[in-house]
Amino acid sequence: MYNRKTRRCDKVRYRDHREAISALHSIANARTRADLAGVYSRRREIRSYECNRCRGYHLTSERAGLVRSLSRQSDIRQQTPLAAASYTPVGSVAW
């Protein structure tokens, strides 16, 4: 197996989405085998994403849409009262 790390972003790079998904399946299988054997697995990757730097794909353990800067949230809340009232952070439920 060749070295998959790229110089542009220093992360493991997958050529395309299909290759990244295949890696996710392998990780999920390894995690299941570890659980069945009673061994702890550190692998927590749950999705892939396209990298703008290397134009490849990487894996992450973060859920999509949960990364948002605090300054951006405060900018939205400081807008008009209607915009602030209709703002719901990603991942939260508006009741």
Foldseek 3Di string as FASTA:
>chain_A
DDQQADPQPRARFDAEQVRVVVVVVVLVVVCVVCVVVVHHDPDQWDHKDADPRPRTIHTDNDDPQQDDDPVVLVVQCPPDVVSNVPDDRPPDDDD
